[in-house]
């Protein structure tokens, strides 16, 4: 049964994540690093939700927890009403949540043809591929002949299109994009962002978009959580925060925004 639009598809409550650094001496334990400090947020079905912060802000740690790739030290994460913390069987999450990673070259197997790369999640989940690969390549703007080529034969932007097609293959409910344009040339970033926005709309997906760049988040998201030192320091509608940031850290991010706006 589909979750009604507007209801939370992801609910995170009081998440903490503590890591311990390696020992620096035989007598002292490694220093504790508090990567997340009581983070709570919710993402509604159909929402375009951004998470923004500089390196070390905790956004990557939070992303791993939301995707079930790591476990919190404490706290709760509900996905479509089901708790994923401490749960071994996350098949339902693998079906309904897919990730587009930062660097398409490292996330695509160079030994596989594009046809097999796009079909990979379907095969892993025991789902039929049928004509879905050809359909998805068309949707992301690649010709049918791309199916028989290898990743190294494409540009960075084209490889990210392949990665997006792969993520869409099992028809997920939620698409997570982890810095999906930061490894690309500025000239193609806008194209990929526009493609993502169009696909989110046409497939009726929820988007969780992680970036260090508030201007990029503003281009594709309607709401945003700003993270600093393991905490959410500001949250709200992107345009409102862009126009009137309340936290000094958000103002710092805005001052650091590159001149990307004119290229999008």
C-alpha atoms as a PDB file:
ATOM      1  CA  UNK A   1       0.000   0.000   0.000  1.00  0.00           C
ATOM      2  CA  UNK A   2       1.434   3.376  -0.992  1.00  0.00           C
ATOM      3  CA  UNK A   3       2.148   5.949   1.662  1.00  0.00           C
ATOM      4  CA  UNK A   4      -0.159   8.991   1.201  1.00  0.00           C
ATOM      5  CA  UNK A   5       1.575  12.078  -0.172  1.00  0.00           C
ATOM      6  CA  UNK A   6       2.810  14.397   2.562  1.00  0.00           C
ATOM      7  CA  UNK A   7       3.208  11.725   5.237  1.00  0.00           C
ATOM      8  CA  UNK A   8       6.757  10.951   6.418  1.00  0.00           C
ATOM      9  CA  UNK A   9       8.588   8.280   4.432  1.00  0.00           C
ATOM     10  CA  UNK A  10      11.746   8.811   6.533  1.00  0.00           C
ATOM     11  CA  UNK A  11      11.649   9.705  10.233  1.00  0.00           C
ATOM     12  CA  UNK A  12      14.899   9.999  12.179  1.00  0.00           C
ATOM     13  CA  UNK A  13      14.744  10.620  15.914  1.00  0.00           C
ATOM     14  CA  UNK A  14      17.597  11.700  18.200  1.00  0.00           C
ATOM     15  CA  UNK A  15      20.355  10.042  16.161  1.00  0.00           C
ATOM     16  CA  UNK A  16      23.829   9.910  17.633  1.00  0.00           C
ATOM     17  CA  UNK A  17      26.906   8.303  16.129  1.00  0.00           C
ATOM     18  CA  UNK A  18      30.131   8.000  18.072  1.00  0.00           C
ATOM     19  CA  UNK A  19      33.349   6.725  16.513  1.00  0.00           C
ATOM     20  CA  UNK A  20      36.553   5.919  18.354  1.00  0.00           C
ATOM     21  CA  UNK A  21      39.872   6.904  16.829  1.00  0.00           C
ATOM     22  CA  UNK A  22      42.748   4.368  16.857  1.00  0.00           C
ATOM     23  CA  UNK A  23      44.872   4.273  20.002  1.00  0.00           C
ATOM     24  CA  UNK A  24      47.777   6.691  20.157  1.00  0.00           C
ATOM     25  CA  UNK A  25      49.398   4.897  23.111  1.00  0.00           C
ATOM     26  CA  UNK A  26      49.248   1.510  24.823  1.00  0.00           C
ATOM     27  CA  UNK A  27      47.615   2.877  27.948  1.00  0.00           C
ATOM     28  CA  UNK A  28      45.041   5.304  26.555  1.00  0.00           C
ATOM     29  CA  UNK A  29      41.955   4.395  24.508  1.00  0.00           C
ATOM     30  CA  UNK A  30      41.395   6.206  21.246  1.00  0.00           C
ATOM     31  CA  UNK A  31      39.597   9.517  21.368  1.00  0.00           C
ATOM     32  CA  UNK A  32      35.829   9.465  20.849  1.00  0.00           C
ATOM     33  CA  UNK A  33      34.484  11.441  17.900  1.00  0.00           C
ATOM     34  CA  UNK A  34      30.823  12.481  18.100  1.00  0.00           C
ATOM     35  CA  UNK A  35      29.880  12.573  14.414  1.00  0.00           C
ATOM     36  CA  UNK A  36      26.163  13.042  15.094  1.00  0.00           C
ATOM     37  CA  UNK A  37      24.671  14.656  18.180  1.00  0.00           C
ATOM     38  CA  UNK A  38      20.941  14.091  18.546  1.00  0.00           C
ATOM     39  CA  UNK A  39      19.808  14.648  14.948  1.00  0.00           C
ATOM     40  CA  UNK A  40      16.074  14.454  14.261  1.00  0.00           C
ATOM     41  CA  UNK A  41      14.356  15.081  10.934  1.00  0.00           C
ATOM     42  CA  UNK A  42      11.539  13.818   8.756  1.00  0.00           C
ATOM     43  CA  UNK A  43      11.152  13.628   4.988  1.00  0.00           C
ATOM     44  CA  UNK A  44       7.659  13.572   3.542  1.00  0.00           C
ATOM     45  CA  UNK A  45       6.647  11.369   0.639  1.00  0.00           C
ATOM     46  CA  UNK A  46       7.196  13.316  -2.599  1.00  0.00           C
ATOM     47  CA  UNK A  47       9.403  15.915  -0.929  1.00  0.00           C
ATOM     48  CA  UNK A  48      12.702  17.149  -2.330  1.00  0.00           C
ATOM     49  CA  UNK A  49      14.780  17.348   0.818  1.00  0.00           C
ATOM     50  CA  UNK A  50      18.332  18.690   0.954  1.00  0.00           C
ATOM     51  CA  UNK A  51      21.040  18.093   3.543  1.00  0.00           C
ATOM     52  CA  UNK A  52      23.831  20.645   3.315  1.00  0.00           C
ATOM     53  CA  UNK A  53      27.051  21.191   5.225  1.00  0.00           C
ATOM     54  CA  UNK A  54      30.790  21.379   4.823  1.00  0.00           C
ATOM     55  CA  UNK A  55      33.177  18.444   5.191  1.00  0.00           C
ATOM     56  CA  UNK A  56      33.025  17.182   8.767  1.00  0.00           C
ATOM     57  CA  UNK A  57      29.502  18.494   9.375  1.00  0.00           C
ATOM     58  CA  UNK A  58      28.071  14.983   9.798  1.00  0.00           C
ATOM     59  CA  UNK A  59      26.028  14.914   6.598  1.00  0.00           C
ATOM     60  CA  UNK A  60      27.803  11.854   5.151  1.00  0.00           C
ATOM     61  CA  UNK A  61      27.424   9.957   8.430  1.00  0.00           C
ATOM     62  CA  UNK A  62      23.720  10.823   8.500  1.00  0.00           C
ATOM     63  CA  UNK A  63      23.333   9.689   4.904  1.00  0.00           C
ATOM     64  CA  UNK A  64      24.835   6.275   5.676  1.00  0.00           C
ATOM     65  CA  UNK A  65      22.459   5.806   8.604  1.00  0.00           C
ATOM     66  CA  UNK A  66      19.381   6.769   6.576  1.00  0.00           C
ATOM     67  CA  UNK A  67      20.399   4.303   3.848  1.00  0.00           C
ATOM     68  CA  UNK A  68      21.006   1.456   6.308  1.00  0.00           C
ATOM     69  CA  UNK A  69      24.735   1.371   5.472  1.00  0.00           C
ATOM     70  CA  UNK A  70      25.722   2.046   9.084  1.00  0.00           C
ATOM     71  CA  UNK A  71      24.061   1.824  12.486  1.00  0.00           C
ATOM     72  CA  UNK A  72      23.640   4.725  14.926  1.00  0.00           C
ATOM     73  CA  UNK A  73      25.055   4.598  18.431  1.00  0.00           C
ATOM     74  CA  UNK A  74      21.553   5.523  19.583  1.00  0.00           C
ATOM     75  CA  UNK A  75      18.312   6.762  18.092  1.00  0.00           C
ATOM     76  CA  UNK A  76      15.610   5.555  15.726  1.00  0.00           C
ATOM     77  CA  UNK A  77      15.042   5.586  11.953  1.00  0.00           C
ATOM     78  CA  UNK A  78      11.677   4.690  10.468  1.00  0.00           C
ATOM     79  CA  UNK A  79      11.413   4.053   6.746  1.00  0.00           C
ATOM     80  CA  UNK A  80       7.805   3.937   5.586  1.00  0.00           C
ATOM     81  CA  UNK A  81       6.868   3.251   9.205  1.00  0.00           C
ATOM     82  CA  UNK A  82       9.337   0.370   9.658  1.00  0.00           C
ATOM     83  CA  UNK A  83      12.270   0.593  12.054  1.00  0.00           C
ATOM     84  CA  UNK A  84      15.611  -0.051  10.331  1.00  0.00           C
ATOM     85  CA  UNK A  85      17.929   0.409  13.314  1.00  0.00           C
ATOM     86  CA  UNK A  86      19.148  -2.961  14.567  1.00  0.00           C
ATOM     87  CA  UNK A  87      17.273  -4.830  11.857  1.00  0.00           C
ATOM     88  CA  UNK A  88      19.163  -7.453   9.859  1.00  0.00           C
ATOM     89  CA  UNK A  89      16.690  -7.961   7.032  1.00  0.00           C
ATOM     90  CA  UNK A  90      16.680  -4.711   5.072  1.00  0.00           C
ATOM     91  CA  UNK A  91      15.477  -6.132   1.783  1.00  0.00           C
ATOM     92  CA  UNK A  92      12.464  -3.820   1.825  1.00  0.00           C
ATOM     93  CA  UNK A  93      14.833  -0.856   2.126  1.00  0.00           C
ATOM     94  CA  UNK A  94      17.008  -2.084  -0.764  1.00  0.00           C
ATOM     95  CA  UNK A  95      13.851  -2.314  -2.896  1.00  0.00           C
ATOM     96  CA  UNK A  96      12.537   1.129  -2.038  1.00  0.00           C
ATOM     97  CA  UNK A  97      15.674   3.271  -1.615  1.00  0.00           C
ATOM     98  CA  UNK A  98      18.424   3.674  -4.182  1.00  0.00           C
ATOM     99  CA  UNK A  99      21.575   5.827  -4.158  1.00  0.00           C
ATOM    100  CA  UNK A 100      23.389   7.922  -6.768  1.00  0.00           C
ATOM    101  CA  UNK A 101      26.976   8.323  -5.591  1.00  0.00           C
ATOM    102  CA  UNK A 102      29.360  11.239  -5.969  1.00  0.00           C
ATOM    103  CA  UNK A 103      31.894   9.773  -8.398  1.00  0.00           C
ATOM    104  CA  UNK A 104      30.293   7.806 -11.254  1.00  0.00           C
ATOM    105  CA  UNK A 105      33.650   6.405 -12.392  1.00  0.00           C
ATOM    106  CA  UNK A 106      34.272   4.637  -9.091  1.00  0.00           C
ATOM    107  CA  UNK A 107      30.654   3.549  -8.638  1.00  0.00           C
ATOM    108  CA  UNK A 108      30.382   1.825 -12.039  1.00  0.00           C
ATOM    109  CA  UNK A 109      32.126  -1.500 -12.648  1.00  0.00           C
ATOM    110  CA  UNK A 110      34.542  -0.855 -15.555  1.00  0.00           C
ATOM    111  CA  UNK A 111      34.336  -4.511 -16.624  1.00  0.00           C
ATOM    112  CA  UNK A 112      30.576  -4.457 -17.159  1.00  0.00           C
ATOM    113  CA  UNK A 113      28.666  -3.169 -20.147  1.00  0.00           C
ATOM    114  CA  UNK A 114      26.111  -0.449 -19.491  1.00  0.00           C
ATOM    115  CA  UNK A 115      23.252  -2.879 -20.105  1.00  0.00           C
ATOM    116  CA  UNK A 116      24.445  -5.077 -17.243  1.00  0.00           C
ATOM    117  CA  UNK A 117      25.211  -2.115 -14.972  1.00  0.00           C
ATOM    118  CA  UNK A 118      21.688  -0.717 -15.269  1.00  0.00           C
ATOM    119  CA  UNK A 119      20.156  -4.174 -14.824  1.00  0.00           C
ATOM    120  CA  UNK A 120      22.387  -4.994 -11.833  1.00  0.00           C
ATOM    121  CA  UNK A 121      19.950  -3.980  -9.047  1.00  0.00           C
ATOM    122  CA  UNK A 122      17.130  -5.833 -10.784  1.00  0.00           C
ATOM    123  CA  UNK A 123      19.226  -8.997 -10.940  1.00  0.00           C
ATOM    124  CA  UNK A 124      20.259  -8.587  -7.290  1.00  0.00           C
ATOM    125  CA  UNK A 125      16.627  -8.256  -6.210  1.00  0.00           C
ATOM    126  CA  UNK A 126      15.437 -11.102  -8.444  1.00  0.00           C
ATOM    127  CA  UNK A 127      13.358  -8.790 -10.635  1.00  0.00           C
ATOM    128  CA  UNK A 128      12.934  -9.137 -14.420  1.00  0.00           C
ATOM    129  CA  UNK A 129      14.821  -6.654 -16.587  1.00  0.00           C
ATOM    130  CA  UNK A 130      12.761  -6.974 -19.771  1.00  0.00           C
ATOM    131  CA  UNK A 131      12.820  -3.745 -21.773  1.00  0.00           C
ATOM    132  CA  UNK A 132      13.519  -1.628 -18.693  1.00  0.00           C
ATOM    133  CA  UNK A 133      17.182  -0.961 -19.507  1.00  0.00           C
ATOM    134  CA  UNK A 134      16.403   0.516 -22.936  1.00  0.00           C
ATOM    135  CA  UNK A 135      13.567   2.558 -21.441  1.00  0.00           C
ATOM    136  CA  UNK A 136      15.776   3.989 -18.691  1.00  0.00           C
ATOM    137  CA  UNK A 137      18.644   4.848 -21.040  1.00  0.00           C
ATOM    138  CA  UNK A 138      16.171   6.833 -23.124  1.00  0.00           C
ATOM    139  CA  UNK A 139      14.851   8.610 -20.034  1.00  0.00           C
ATOM    140  CA  UNK A 140      18.322   9.747 -18.974  1.00  0.00           C
ATOM    141  CA  UNK A 141      19.168  10.970 -22.475  1.00  0.00           C
ATOM    142  CA  UNK A 142      21.448   8.191 -23.739  1.00  0.00           C
ATOM    143  CA  UNK A 143      21.081   6.400 -27.110  1.00  0.00           C
ATOM    144  CA  UNK A 144      20.191   2.676 -27.301  1.00  0.00           C
ATOM    145  CA  UNK A 145      23.730   1.900 -28.534  1.00  0.00           C
ATOM    146  CA  UNK A 146      25.074   2.972 -25.122  1.00  0.00           C
ATOM    147  CA  UNK A 147      23.888  -0.359 -23.700  1.00  0.00           C
ATOM    148  CA  UNK A 148      26.746  -2.218 -25.425  1.00  0.00           C
ATOM    149  CA  UNK A 149      29.533   0.115 -24.338  1.00  0.00           C
ATOM    150  CA  UNK A 150      31.702   0.330 -21.215  1.00  0.00           C
ATOM    151  CA  UNK A 151      31.869   3.173 -18.638  1.00  0.00           C
ATOM    152  CA  UNK A 152      35.289   4.437 -19.777  1.00  0.00           C
ATOM    153  CA  UNK A 153      33.805   5.213 -23.196  1.00  0.00           C
ATOM    154  CA  UNK A 154      31.610   7.961 -21.729  1.00  0.00           C
ATOM    155  CA  UNK A 155      32.154  11.432 -20.315  1.00  0.00           C
ATOM    156  CA  UNK A 156      31.685  12.168 -16.614  1.00  0.00           C
ATOM    157  CA  UNK A 157      28.213  13.569 -17.168  1.00  0.00           C
ATOM    158  CA  UNK A 158      27.184  10.574 -19.259  1.00  0.00           C
ATOM    159  CA  UNK A 159      28.487   8.184 -16.600  1.00  0.00           C
ATOM    160  CA  UNK A 160      26.362   9.956 -13.998  1.00  0.00           C
ATOM    161  CA  UNK A 161      23.353   9.494 -16.304  1.00  0.00           C
ATOM    162  CA  UNK A 162      24.131   5.763 -16.327  1.00  0.00           C
ATOM    163  CA  UNK A 163      24.323   5.774 -12.533  1.00  0.00           C
ATOM    164  CA  UNK A 164      20.946   7.513 -12.336  1.00  0.00           C
ATOM    165  CA  UNK A 165      19.418   4.959 -14.711  1.00  0.00           C
ATOM    166  CA  UNK A 166      20.761   2.136 -12.530  1.00  0.00           C
ATOM    167  CA  UNK A 167      19.297   3.730  -9.395  1.00  0.00           C
ATOM    168  CA  UNK A 168      15.878   4.061 -11.034  1.00  0.00           C
ATOM    169  CA  UNK A 169      15.828   0.489 -12.354  1.00  0.00           C
ATOM    170  CA  UNK A 170      14.039  -1.204  -9.402  1.00  0.00           C
ATOM    171  CA  UNK A 171      11.417   1.594  -9.201  1.00  0.00           C
ATOM    172  CA  UNK A 172      12.372   2.907  -5.755  1.00  0.00           C
ATOM    173  CA  UNK A 173      10.242   5.202  -3.628  1.00  0.00           C
ATOM    174  CA  UNK A 174      13.217   7.270  -2.472  1.00  0.00           C
ATOM    175  CA  UNK A 175      16.260   8.407  -4.433  1.00  0.00           C
ATOM    176  CA  UNK A 176      19.281   9.499  -2.408  1.00  0.00           C
ATOM    177  CA  UNK A 177      21.816  11.643  -4.263  1.00  0.00           C
ATOM    178  CA  UNK A 178      25.186  11.981  -2.535  1.00  0.00           C
ATOM    179  CA  UNK A 179      27.017  15.028  -3.965  1.00  0.00           C
ATOM    180  CA  UNK A 180      25.985  13.841  -7.466  1.00  0.00           C
ATOM    181  CA  UNK A 181      27.482  16.772  -9.393  1.00  0.00           C
ATOM    182  CA  UNK A 182      30.544  17.728  -7.340  1.00  0.00           C
ATOM    183  CA  UNK A 183      32.852  15.484  -9.417  1.00  0.00           C
ATOM    184  CA  UNK A 184      31.551  16.889 -12.720  1.00  0.00           C
ATOM    185  CA  UNK A 185      32.630  19.811 -14.858  1.00  0.00           C
ATOM    186  CA  UNK A 186      30.696  22.982 -14.089  1.00  0.00           C
ATOM    187  CA  UNK A 187      29.445  23.020 -17.691  1.00  0.00           C
ATOM    188  CA  UNK A 188      27.424  19.803 -17.217  1.00  0.00           C
ATOM    189  CA  UNK A 189      26.302  20.203 -13.600  1.00  0.00           C
ATOM    190  CA  UNK A 190      23.175  22.104 -14.547  1.00  0.00           C
ATOM    191  CA  UNK A 191      22.204  19.428 -17.082  1.00  0.00           C
ATOM    192  CA  UNK A 192      22.425  16.659 -14.482  1.00  0.00           C
ATOM    193  CA  UNK A 193      20.540  18.684 -11.862  1.00  0.00           C
ATOM    194  CA  UNK A 194      17.754  19.437 -14.344  1.00  0.00           C
ATOM    195  CA  UNK A 195      17.616  15.767 -15.337  1.00  0.00           C
ATOM    196  CA  UNK A 196      17.319  14.698 -11.700  1.00  0.00           C
ATOM    197  CA  UNK A 197      14.533  17.194 -11.063  1.00  0.00           C
ATOM    198  CA  UNK A 198      12.592  16.030 -14.133  1.00  0.00           C
ATOM    199  CA  UNK A 199      12.974  12.348 -13.230  1.00  0.00           C
ATOM    200  CA  UNK A 200      11.908  12.929  -9.624  1.00  0.00           C
ATOM    201  CA  UNK A 201       8.714  14.519 -10.925  1.00  0.00           C
ATOM    202  CA  UNK A 202       7.985  11.993 -13.675  1.00  0.00           C
ATOM    203  CA  UNK A 203       8.579   8.984 -11.404  1.00  0.00           C
ATOM    204  CA  UNK A 204       6.843  10.502  -8.388  1.00  0.00           C
ATOM    205  CA  UNK A 205       9.883   9.975  -6.163  1.00  0.00           C
ATOM    206  CA  UNK A 206      11.062  11.385  -2.868  1.00  0.00           C
ATOM    207  CA  UNK A 207      14.526  12.954  -3.130  1.00  0.00           C
ATOM    208  CA  UNK A 208      17.157  13.202  -0.409  1.00  0.00           C
ATOM    209  CA  UNK A 209      19.955  15.333  -1.823  1.00  0.00           C
ATOM    210  CA  UNK A 210      23.257  15.770   0.012  1.00  0.00           C
ATOM    211  CA  UNK A 211      25.690  18.569  -0.882  1.00  0.00           C
ATOM    212  CA  UNK A 212      28.190  21.034   0.511  1.00  0.00           C
ATOM    213  CA  UNK A 213      26.801  23.707  -1.827  1.00  0.00           C
ATOM    214  CA  UNK A 214      23.598  25.490  -0.829  1.00  0.00           C
ATOM    215  CA  UNK A 215      23.108  26.905  -4.339  1.00  0.00           C
ATOM    216  CA  UNK A 216      22.995  23.379  -5.792  1.00  0.00           C
ATOM    217  CA  UNK A 217      20.500  22.288  -3.122  1.00  0.00           C
ATOM    218  CA  UNK A 218      18.382  25.331  -3.888  1.00  0.00           C
ATOM    219  CA  UNK A 219      18.228  24.313  -7.553  1.00  0.00           C
ATOM    220  CA  UNK A 220      16.630  20.906  -6.907  1.00  0.00           C
ATOM    221  CA  UNK A 221      15.151  20.937  -3.390  1.00  0.00           C
ATOM    222  CA  UNK A 222      12.214  22.633  -1.722  1.00  0.00           C
ATOM    223  CA  UNK A 223      13.343  22.136   1.893  1.00  0.00           C
ATOM    224  CA  UNK A 224      16.738  21.799   3.537  1.00  0.00           C
ATOM    225  CA  UNK A 225      18.477  20.870   6.770  1.00  0.00           C
ATOM    226  CA  UNK A 226      21.747  22.702   7.394  1.00  0.00           C
ATOM    227  CA  UNK A 227      24.291  20.670   9.365  1.00  0.00           C
ATOM    228  CA  UNK A 228      27.320  21.756  11.360  1.00  0.00           C
ATOM    229  CA  UNK A 229      29.434  19.797  13.844  1.00  0.00           C
ATOM    230  CA  UNK A 230      27.045  16.843  13.911  1.00  0.00           C
ATOM    231  CA  UNK A 231      23.871  18.842  14.461  1.00  0.00           C
ATOM    232  CA  UNK A 232      21.052  20.327  12.396  1.00  0.00           C
ATOM    233  CA  UNK A 233      21.460  24.050  13.018  1.00  0.00           C
ATOM    234  CA  UNK A 234      18.719  25.274  10.702  1.00  0.00           C
ATOM    235  CA  UNK A 235      15.846  23.730   8.792  1.00  0.00           C
ATOM    236  CA  UNK A 236      13.124  25.098   6.550  1.00  0.00           C
ATOM    237  CA  UNK A 237      12.138  26.001   3.000  1.00  0.00           C
ATOM    238  CA  UNK A 238      15.204  26.541   0.835  1.00  0.00           C
ATOM    239  CA  UNK A 239      14.099  29.868  -0.613  1.00  0.00           C
ATOM    240  CA  UNK A 240      13.270  31.245   2.829  1.00  0.00           C
ATOM    241  CA  UNK A 241      16.622  30.200   4.273  1.00  0.00           C
ATOM    242  CA  UNK A 242      18.404  31.553   1.196  1.00  0.00           C
ATOM    243  CA  UNK A 243      16.679  34.922   1.598  1.00  0.00           C
ATOM    244  CA  UNK A 244      16.881  35.182   5.394  1.00  0.00           C
ATOM    245  CA  UNK A 245      19.274  32.695   7.060  1.00  0.00           C
ATOM    246  CA  UNK A 246      18.877  32.611  10.833  1.00  0.00           C
ATOM    247  CA  UNK A 247      22.067  30.811  11.856  1.00  0.00           C
ATOM    248  CA  UNK A 248      25.565  32.234  11.434  1.00  0.00           C
ATOM    249  CA  UNK A 249      26.821  28.962   9.941  1.00  0.00           C
ATOM    250  CA  UNK A 250      24.154  29.161   7.209  1.00  0.00           C
ATOM    251  CA  UNK A 251      25.213  32.728   6.484  1.00  0.00           C
ATOM    252  CA  UNK A 252      28.803  31.460   6.179  1.00  0.00           C
ATOM    253  CA  UNK A 253      27.701  28.842   3.637  1.00  0.00           C
ATOM    254  CA  UNK A 254      25.888  31.494   1.634  1.00  0.00           C
ATOM    255  CA  UNK A 255      28.916  33.739   1.564  1.00  0.00           C
ATOM    256  CA  UNK A 256      30.929  30.808   0.178  1.00  0.00           C
ATOM    257  CA  UNK A 257      28.472  30.038  -2.642  1.00  0.00           C
ATOM    258  CA  UNK A 258      30.353  29.808  -5.978  1.00  0.00           C
ATOM    259  CA  UNK A 259      29.150  31.557  -9.107  1.00  0.00           C
ATOM    260  CA  UNK A 260      27.176  28.533 -10.290  1.00  0.00           C
ATOM    261  CA  UNK A 261      23.769  30.184 -10.428  1.00  0.00           C
ATOM    262  CA  UNK A 262      24.292  31.692 -13.855  1.00  0.00           C
ATOM    263  CA  UNK A 263      25.196  28.315 -15.312  1.00  0.00           C
ATOM    264  CA  UNK A 264      22.092  26.431 -14.110  1.00  0.00           C
END
